[in-house]
Amino acid sequence: DAVPLDDAAVYKLFCDGRTNGIFQFESGGMKDLLRRAQPSKFEDLAAFNALYRPGALSVGMVEEYIQRKTGRKKVRYILPQTKALLEETYGVIAYQEQVMQIAVEVAGFTMGEADVLRKAMGKKKKEVMEEQKEKFVAGADRRGVPREKAAELWEYIEPFAGYGFNKSHSVAYAVLAYKTAYLKTHHPVEF
């Protein structure tokens, strides 16, 4: 439990894609992602766990994350209110909690209402999602956000329904992966 989460040698192992035997990070596709994205902090590993899923891959979120993380593309926030919520993931929505926080911050949802949105996204119910969109845009409008900007933000959020993952799950996986990589790096015989 005392393993430091900022060990440069461990990140080099991840960046090099030498992750055979590392939980959630040993597939060929994940190794390619690691080599291209060059994780430099624990939050990157957690985000990779959330993003390296069929839905996120199919809508281009993984590539967007890589481009922004590596500086090949500018980090962009549709609204300034989302910066604090998405900065950790370079402006890319990686977690269900980020969608909920955006709904609260931008559209004035209560946390209970944001949870209804999260559930609707998880179940991918088109009619419920349409209701949520209207509520989101109207709520943002009441808070001074131009309707077209609120609709643009919704269009960015909506594909998340196809790949939503919660942060606690991603972080728990990343902790196990990191600690295993630490053992592989510093205690290879025991590993």
Protein backbone atom coordinates (compact mmCIF):
# COMPACT_ATOMS: atom_id res chain seq x y z
CA ASP A 1 0.00 0.00 0.00
CA ALA A 2 3.00 2.31 0.36
CA VAL A 3 4.00 2.04 -3.31
CA PRO A 4 4.59 5.56 -4.69
CA LEU A 5 2.29 6.39 -7.61
CA ASP A 6 4.88 8.56 -9.36
CA ASP A 7 7.70 6.10 -10.04
CA ALA A 8 9.38 7.05 -13.34
CA ALA A 9 10.61 3.50 -14.00
CA VAL A 10 7.06 2.14 -13.70
CA TYR A 11 5.78 4.71 -16.20
CA LYS A 12 8.62 3.79 -18.55
CA LEU A 13 7.41 0.17 -18.42
CA PHE A 14 3.91 1.35 -19.36
CA CYS A 15 5.19 3.75 -22.06
CA ASP A 16 7.26 0.97 -23.60
CA GLY A 17 4.24 -1.34 -23.64
CA ARG A 18 6.09 -4.00 -21.63
CA THR A 19 2.89 -4.96 -19.85
CA ASN A 20 2.61 -8.73 -20.19
CA GLY A 21 1.11 -9.91 -16.93
CA ILE A 22 -0.22 -6.46 -16.01
CA PHE A 23 -3.95 -6.51 -15.26
CA GLN A 24 -6.01 -4.76 -17.95
CA PHE A 25 -2.91 -3.61 -19.85
CA GLU A 26 -1.60 -6.69 -21.65
CA SER A 27 -3.66 -6.80 -24.84
CA GLY A 28 -1.99 -5.80 -28.09
CA GLY A 29 -4.34 -2.86 -28.53
CA MET A 30 -3.71 -1.57 -25.03
CA LYS A 31 0.06 -1.87 -25.51
CA ASP A 32 -0.27 0.17 -28.70
CA LEU A 33 -2.32 2.77 -26.83
CA LEU A 34 0.34 2.97 -24.10
CA ARG A 35 3.16 3.42 -26.61
CA ARG A 36 1.27 6.14 -28.48
CA ALA A 37 -0.13 7.98 -25.46
CA GLN A 38 2.92 7.79 -23.17
CA PRO A 39 1.18 7.78 -19.77
CA SER A 40 2.94 10.08 -17.34
CA LYS A 41 0.62 10.07 -14.34
CA PHE A 42 -1.69 7.72 -12.52
CA GLU A 43 -4.76 9.51 -13.86
CA ASP A 44 -3.74 8.50 -17.39
CA LEU A 45 -3.82 4.82 -16.42
CA ALA A 46 -7.27 5.21 -14.87
CA ALA A 47 -8.55 7.02 -17.97
CA PHE A 48 -7.16 4.29 -20.26
CA ASN A 49 -9.15 1.72 -18.29
CA ALA A 50 -12.31 3.72 -18.90
CA LEU A 51 -11.62 4.62 -22.52
CA TYR A 52 -10.20 1.42 -23.92
CA ARG A 53 -13.66 -0.04 -24.52
CA PRO A 54 -15.48 -0.74 -27.79
CA GLY A 55 -17.85 2.23 -27.49
CA ALA A 56 -15.14 4.81 -26.78
CA LEU A 57 -12.95 3.37 -29.52
CA SER A 58 -15.82 3.49 -32.02
CA VAL A 59 -16.56 7.19 -31.46
CA GLY A 60 -12.91 8.24 -31.53
CA MET A 61 -12.52 9.24 -27.89
CA VAL A 62 -9.36 7.19 -27.41
CA GLU A 63 -7.65 8.86 -30.36
CA GLU A 64 -8.87 12.26 -29.18
CA TYR A 65 -7.40 11.60 -25.72
CA ILE A 66 -4.05 10.55 -27.22
CA GLN A 67 -3.89 13.60 -29.51
CA ARG A 68 -4.65 16.00 -26.68
CA LYS A 69 -2.41 14.30 -24.12
CA THR A 70 0.57 14.29 -26.45
CA GLY A 71 0.03 17.92 -27.48
CA ARG A 72 -0.73 17.15 -31.13
CA LYS A 73 -4.17 18.64 -30.65
CA LYS A 74 -5.18 21.56 -28.46
CA VAL A 75 -7.23 20.74 -25.38
CA ARG A 76 -10.62 22.31 -25.95
CA TYR A 77 -13.55 22.94 -23.64
CA ILE A 78 -16.92 23.74 -25.21
CA LEU A 79 -17.79 25.82 -22.15
CA PRO A 80 -15.42 27.26 -19.55
CA GLN A 81 -17.56 25.65 -16.80
CA THR A 82 -16.37 22.24 -17.95
CA LYS A 83 -12.64 22.93 -17.62
CA ALA A 84 -12.36 22.00 -13.94
CA LEU A 85 -14.41 18.85 -14.57
CA LEU A 86 -12.49 17.64 -17.64
CA GLU A 87 -8.98 18.99 -17.16
CA GLU A 88 -7.70 15.70 -15.69
CA THR A 89 -8.70 13.92 -18.91
CA TYR A 90 -7.55 16.63 -21.34
CA GLY A 91 -11.10 17.80 -22.05
CA VAL A 92 -12.30 14.31 -23.01
CA ILE A 93 -15.24 12.76 -21.16
CA ALA A 94 -13.93 9.50 -19.72
CA TYR A 95 -16.20 8.84 -16.75
CA GLN A 96 -19.88 8.73 -15.84
CA GLU A 97 -19.17 11.08 -12.94
CA GLN A 98 -17.94 13.75 -15.36
CA VAL A 99 -21.24 13.67 -17.25
CA MET A 100 -23.12 13.97 -13.97
CA GLN A 101 -20.95 16.90 -12.84
CA ILE A 102 -21.44 18.67 -16.17
CA ALA A 103 -25.22 18.26 -15.85
CA VAL A 104 -25.09 19.78 -12.36
CA GLU A 105 -22.67 22.60 -13.19
CA VAL A 106 -23.96 23.62 -16.62
CA ALA A 107 -27.67 22.71 -16.58
CA GLY A 108 -28.48 23.00 -12.88
CA PHE A 109 -29.43 19.35 -12.39
CA THR A 110 -29.54 18.06 -8.84
CA MET A 111 -27.27 15.08 -8.21
CA GLY A 112 -30.42 12.90 -8.21
CA GLU A 113 -31.41 14.25 -11.63
CA ALA A 114 -27.85 13.74 -12.87
CA ASP A 115 -28.07 10.14 -11.72
CA VAL A 116 -31.26 9.70 -13.78
CA LEU A 117 -29.26 10.98 -16.76
CA ARG A 118 -26.46 8.50 -15.98
CA LYS A 119 -28.95 5.63 -15.83
CA ALA A 120 -30.64 6.73 -19.06
CA MET A 121 -27.27 6.76 -20.79
CA GLY A 122 -26.43 3.33 -19.43
CA LYS A 123 -29.70 1.87 -20.68
CA LYS A 124 -29.47 3.78 -24.00
CA LYS A 125 -33.20 4.54 -24.03
CA LYS A 126 -33.72 6.93 -26.94
CA GLU A 127 -36.95 8.52 -25.66
CA VAL A 128 -35.50 9.10 -22.19
CA MET A 129 -32.35 10.56 -23.73
CA GLU A 130 -34.46 13.00 -25.79
CA GLU A 131 -36.22 14.13 -22.58
CA GLN A 132 -32.86 14.52 -20.86
CA LYS A 133 -31.52 16.56 -23.77
CA GLU A 134 -34.44 18.98 -23.56
CA LYS A 135 -34.04 19.27 -19.81
CA PHE A 136 -30.27 19.81 -20.18
CA VAL A 137 -30.56 22.52 -22.85
CA ALA A 138 -33.40 24.31 -21.01
CA GLY A 139 -31.52 24.16 -17.71
CA ALA A 140 -28.34 25.51 -19.29
CA ASP A 141 -30.37 28.28 -20.95
CA ARG A 142 -31.81 29.28 -17.55
CA ARG A 143 -28.23 29.52 -16.26
CA GLY A 144 -27.18 31.88 -19.06
CA VAL A 145 -25.64 29.38 -21.47
CA PRO A 146 -26.71 30.06 -25.07
CA ARG A 147 -28.95 27.24 -26.30
CA GLU A 148 -26.69 26.50 -29.27
CA LYS A 149 -23.67 26.08 -26.95
CA ALA A 150 -25.70 23.85 -24.62
CA ALA A 151 -26.83 21.77 -27.62
CA GLU A 152 -23.20 21.52 -28.83
CA LEU A 153 -22.14 20.31 -25.39
CA TRP A 154 -24.98 17.78 -25.39
CA GLU A 155 -23.82 16.50 -28.79
CA TYR A 156 -20.40 15.96 -27.22
CA ILE A 157 -21.90 14.20 -24.18
CA GLU A 158 -24.42 12.01 -26.02
CA PRO A 159 -22.00 9.48 -27.58
CA PHE A 160 -20.77 8.77 -24.05
CA ALA A 161 -23.92 6.66 -23.62
CA GLY A 162 -22.20 4.06 -25.76
CA TYR A 163 -19.14 3.72 -23.57
CA GLY A 164 -19.84 5.12 -20.11
CA PHE A 165 -17.64 3.77 -17.34
CA ASN A 166 -17.42 4.89 -13.73
CA LYS A 167 -14.28 6.40 -12.29
CA SER A 168 -14.10 4.33 -9.11
CA HIS A 169 -13.99 1.15 -11.18
CA SER A 170 -11.30 2.59 -13.45
CA VAL A 171 -9.20 3.79 -10.53
CA ALA A 172 -9.45 0.45 -8.72
CA TYR A 173 -8.26 -1.34 -11.86
CA ALA A 174 -5.46 1.19 -12.34
CA VAL A 175 -4.26 0.76 -8.73
CA LEU A 176 -3.97 -2.99 -9.21
CA ALA A 177 -2.25 -2.55 -12.58
CA TYR A 178 0.17 0.05 -11.25
CA LYS A 179 1.14 -2.02 -8.22
CA THR A 180 1.66 -5.06 -10.41
CA ALA A 181 3.81 -2.99 -12.77
CA TYR A 182 5.77 -1.71 -9.76
CA LEU A 183 6.49 -5.30 -8.75
CA LYS A 184 7.47 -6.20 -12.31
CA THR A 185 9.80 -3.20 -12.46
CA HIS A 186 11.44 -3.38 -9.02
CA HIS A 187 10.92 -7.00 -7.90
CA PRO A 188 10.94 -9.07 -11.09
CA VAL A 189 11.71 -12.39 -9.36
CA GLU A 190 8.75 -11.99 -7.01
CA PHE A 191 6.63 -10.77 -9.90
